[in-house]
C-alpha atoms as a PDB file:
ATOM      1  CA  GLN A   1     -24.368  -4.104  34.073  1.00  0.00           C
ATOM      2  CA  VAL A   2     -22.678  -5.801  31.130  1.00  0.00           C
ATOM      3  CA  GLN A   3     -22.022  -9.512  30.834  1.00  0.00           C
ATOM      4  CA  LEU A   4     -19.156 -10.803  28.695  1.00  0.00           C
ATOM      5  CA  VAL A   5     -18.683 -14.411  27.589  1.00  0.00           C
ATOM      6  CA  GLU A   6     -15.567 -15.533  25.736  1.00  0.00           C
ATOM      7  CA  SER A   7     -15.164 -18.525  23.464  1.00  0.00           C
ATOM      8  CA  GLY A   8     -12.597 -19.956  21.078  1.00  0.00           C
ATOM      9  CA  GLY A   9      -9.575 -20.727  23.214  1.00  0.00           C
ATOM     10  CA  GLY A  10      -7.605 -23.931  22.945  1.00  0.00           C
ATOM     11  CA  LEU A  11      -4.329 -25.595  22.090  1.00  0.00           C
ATOM     12  CA  VAL A  12      -2.525 -24.614  18.882  1.00  0.00           C
ATOM     13  CA  GLN A  13       0.918 -25.277  17.470  1.00  0.00           C
ATOM     14  CA  PRO A  14       3.469 -22.501  17.043  1.00  0.00           C
ATOM     15  CA  GLY A  15       2.812 -20.619  13.829  1.00  0.00           C
ATOM     16  CA  GLY A  16      -0.866 -21.522  13.942  1.00  0.00           C
ATOM     17  CA  SER A  17      -3.976 -19.391  14.141  1.00  0.00           C
ATOM     18  CA  LEU A  18      -6.875 -19.077  16.555  1.00  0.00           C
ATOM     19  CA  ARG A  19      -9.901 -16.851  16.759  1.00  0.00           C
ATOM     20  CA  LEU A  20     -11.383 -15.670  20.060  1.00  0.00           C
ATOM     21  CA  SER A  21     -14.876 -14.265  20.321  1.00  0.00           C
ATOM     22  CA  CYS A  22     -16.637 -12.373  23.090  1.00  0.00           C
ATOM     23  CA  ALA A  23     -20.385 -11.865  23.290  1.00  0.00           C
ATOM     24  CA  ALA A  24     -21.706  -8.897  25.244  1.00  0.00           C
ATOM     25  CA  SER A  25     -25.150  -8.576  26.773  1.00  0.00           C
ATOM     26  CA  GLY A  26     -26.877  -6.221  29.207  1.00  0.00           C
ATOM     27  CA  SER A  27     -26.397  -2.456  29.198  1.00  0.00           C
ATOM     28  CA  ILE A  28     -24.223  -2.492  26.088  1.00  0.00           C
ATOM     29  CA  GLY A  29     -25.403   0.968  25.024  1.00  0.00           C
ATOM     30  CA  ASP A  30     -23.094   2.384  27.695  1.00  0.00           C
ATOM     31  CA  ILE A  31     -19.988   0.685  26.284  1.00  0.00           C
ATOM     32  CA  TYR A  32     -17.533   2.869  24.378  1.00  0.00           C
ATOM     33  CA  TYR A  33     -14.636   0.450  23.970  1.00  0.00           C
ATOM     34  CA  MET A  34     -14.016  -3.281  24.008  1.00  0.00           C
ATOM     35  CA  ALA A  35     -10.665  -4.947  24.453  1.00  0.00           C
ATOM     36  CA  TRP A  36      -8.732  -8.156  24.984  1.00  0.00           C
ATOM     37  CA  TYR A  37      -6.248  -8.629  27.813  1.00  0.00           C
ATOM     38  CA  ARG A  38      -4.156 -11.640  28.696  1.00  0.00           C
ATOM     39  CA  GLN A  39      -2.419 -12.978  31.754  1.00  0.00           C
ATOM     40  CA  ALA A  40       0.338 -15.552  31.640  1.00  0.00           C
ATOM     41  CA  PRO A  41       1.329 -17.566  34.731  1.00  0.00           C
ATOM     42  CA  GLY A  42       3.315 -15.439  37.152  1.00  0.00           C
ATOM     43  CA  LYS A  43       2.807 -12.275  35.111  1.00  0.00           C
ATOM     44  CA  ASP A  44       0.560  -9.235  35.333  1.00  0.00           C
ATOM     45  CA  ARG A  45      -2.514  -8.923  33.164  1.00  0.00           C
ATOM     46  CA  GLU A  46      -1.627  -6.934  30.039  1.00  0.00           C
ATOM     47  CA  LEU A  47      -3.550  -5.215  27.285  1.00  0.00           C
ATOM     48  CA  VAL A  48      -3.470  -7.098  23.971  1.00  0.00           C
ATOM     49  CA  ALA A  49      -5.775  -5.045  21.771  1.00  0.00           C
ATOM     50  CA  ARG A  50      -8.492  -2.421  22.156  1.00  0.00           C
ATOM     51  CA  PHE A  51     -11.249  -1.317  19.843  1.00  0.00           C
ATOM     52  CA  PHE A  52     -12.903   2.113  20.009  1.00  0.00           C
ATOM     53  CA  ASN A  53     -14.123   2.273  16.411  1.00  0.00           C
ATOM     54  CA  ASP A  54     -12.963   1.139  12.980  1.00  0.00           C
ATOM     55  CA  ALA A  55     -10.550   4.043  12.775  1.00  0.00           C
ATOM     56  CA  ASN A  56      -9.248   3.812  16.327  1.00  0.00           C
ATOM     57  CA  LYS A  57      -7.719   0.583  17.556  1.00  0.00           C
ATOM     58  CA  ASP A  58      -4.534  -0.118  19.442  1.00  0.00           C
ATOM     59  CA  TYR A  59      -2.353  -3.153  19.964  1.00  0.00           C
ATOM     60  CA  ALA A  60       0.442  -4.251  22.216  1.00  0.00           C
ATOM     61  CA  ASP A  61       3.769  -4.066  20.443  1.00  0.00           C
ATOM     62  CA  SER A  62       4.234  -7.801  20.887  1.00  0.00           C
ATOM     63  CA  VAL A  63       1.173  -8.658  18.776  1.00  0.00           C
ATOM     64  CA  LYS A  64       1.205  -5.939  16.119  1.00  0.00           C
ATOM     65  CA  GLY A  65       0.999  -7.435  12.651  1.00  0.00           C
ATOM     66  CA  ARG A  66      -0.130 -10.814  14.025  1.00  0.00           C
ATOM     67  CA  PHE A  67      -3.393 -10.099  15.860  1.00  0.00           C
ATOM     68  CA  THR A  68      -6.462  -8.263  14.615  1.00  0.00           C
ATOM     69  CA  ILE A  69      -9.325  -7.007  16.765  1.00  0.00           C
ATOM     70  CA  SER A  70     -12.780  -6.445  15.254  1.00  0.00           C
ATOM     71  CA  ARG A  71     -16.222  -5.622  16.545  1.00  0.00           C
ATOM     72  CA  ASP A  72     -19.690  -6.508  15.251  1.00  0.00           C
ATOM     73  CA  ASN A  73     -22.160  -3.945  16.601  1.00  0.00           C
ATOM     74  CA  VAL A  74     -25.146  -5.899  15.266  1.00  0.00           C
ATOM     75  CA  LYS A  75     -24.207  -9.101  17.065  1.00  0.00           C
ATOM     76  CA  ASN A  76     -22.602  -7.263  20.018  1.00  0.00           C
ATOM     77  CA  THR A  77     -19.419  -9.267  19.748  1.00  0.00           C
ATOM     78  CA  VAL A  78     -15.729  -8.490  19.669  1.00  0.00           C
ATOM     79  CA  ALA A  79     -13.252 -10.887  18.083  1.00  0.00           C
ATOM     80  CA  LEU A  80      -9.515 -11.389  18.237  1.00  0.00           C
ATOM     81  CA  GLN A  81      -8.000 -13.079  15.236  1.00  0.00           C
ATOM     82  CA  MET A  82      -4.562 -14.401  16.203  1.00  0.00           C
ATOM     83  CA  SER A  83      -2.037 -15.678  13.686  1.00  0.00           C
ATOM     84  CA  SER A  84       1.661 -16.638  13.686  1.00  0.00           C
ATOM     85  CA  LEU A  85       1.159 -17.673  17.294  1.00  0.00           C
ATOM     86  CA  LYS A  86       4.204 -18.082  19.522  1.00  0.00           C
ATOM     87  CA  PRO A  87       4.664 -20.038  22.755  1.00  0.00           C
ATOM     88  CA  GLU A  88       4.911 -16.696  24.572  1.00  0.00           C
ATOM     89  CA  ASP A  89       1.314 -15.961  23.552  1.00  0.00           C
ATOM     90  CA  THR A  90       0.215 -18.678  25.963  1.00  0.00           C
ATOM     91  CA  ALA A  91      -2.065 -17.107  28.546  1.00  0.00           C
ATOM     92  CA  VAL A  92      -5.611 -16.750  29.749  1.00  0.00           C
ATOM     93  CA  TYR A  93      -7.296 -14.223  27.492  1.00  0.00           C
ATOM     94  CA  TYR A  94      -9.934 -11.940  28.978  1.00  0.00           C
ATOM     95  CA  CYS A  95     -12.584  -9.877  27.224  1.00  0.00           C
ATOM     96  CA  ASN A  96     -12.951  -6.386  28.634  1.00  0.00           C
ATOM     97  CA  ALA A  97     -15.447  -3.612  28.058  1.00  0.00           C
ATOM     98  CA  GLY A  98     -15.635  -0.098  29.422  1.00  0.00           C
ATOM     99  CA  SER A  99     -18.247   2.528  29.963  1.00  0.00           C
ATOM    100  CA  TRP A 100     -17.522   5.995  31.304  1.00  0.00           C
ATOM    101  CA  THR A 101     -17.912   4.761  34.858  1.00  0.00           C
ATOM    102  CA  ASP A 102     -17.268   1.022  34.926  1.00  0.00           C
ATOM    103  CA  GLN A 103     -15.185  -1.777  33.535  1.00  0.00           C
ATOM    104  CA  TYR A 104     -16.443  -5.289  32.876  1.00  0.00           C
ATOM    105  CA  TRP A 105     -14.589  -8.583  32.490  1.00  0.00           C
ATOM    106  CA  GLY A 106     -15.315 -11.993  31.085  1.00  0.00           C
ATOM    107  CA  GLN A 107     -14.312 -15.171  32.815  1.00  0.00           C
ATOM    108  CA  GLY A 108     -11.323 -15.791  30.545  1.00  0.00           C
ATOM    109  CA  THR A 109     -10.401 -18.445  27.994  1.00  0.00           C
ATOM    110  CA  GLN A 110      -7.128 -20.384  27.914  1.00  0.00           C
ATOM    111  CA  VAL A 111      -4.855 -20.173  24.876  1.00  0.00           C
ATOM    112  CA  THR A 112      -1.931 -22.576  24.820  1.00  0.00           C
ATOM    113  CA  VAL A 113       0.669 -22.439  22.052  1.00  0.00           C
ATOM    114  CA  SER A 114       2.782 -25.556  22.117  1.00  0.00           C
ATOM    115  CA  SER A 115       4.102 -28.290  19.881  1.00  0.00           C
END
């Protein structure tokens, strides 16, 4: 089992920046990717960014050039640096991790972009 705990959400003005962090614990040796998803009210959960290794990351088209995902293998964390935030980025952001057989989810952290 893997436990994921997110932190760093909050309220930010349009154009601002925010950094989310997710700490992983448990059977982390089985994990081969970590990712961030988000879910806005009334919408499906969607992939925001996924990290396999430093040379292999992917991003949703809507966040390319604005968001950056990174992973610290020593601290067992994954971060999402978000800049140039827009109101449409408002959502609950979830940390996600996957092994070859299972997926794990954090509890989510709210990000609200509003003036």
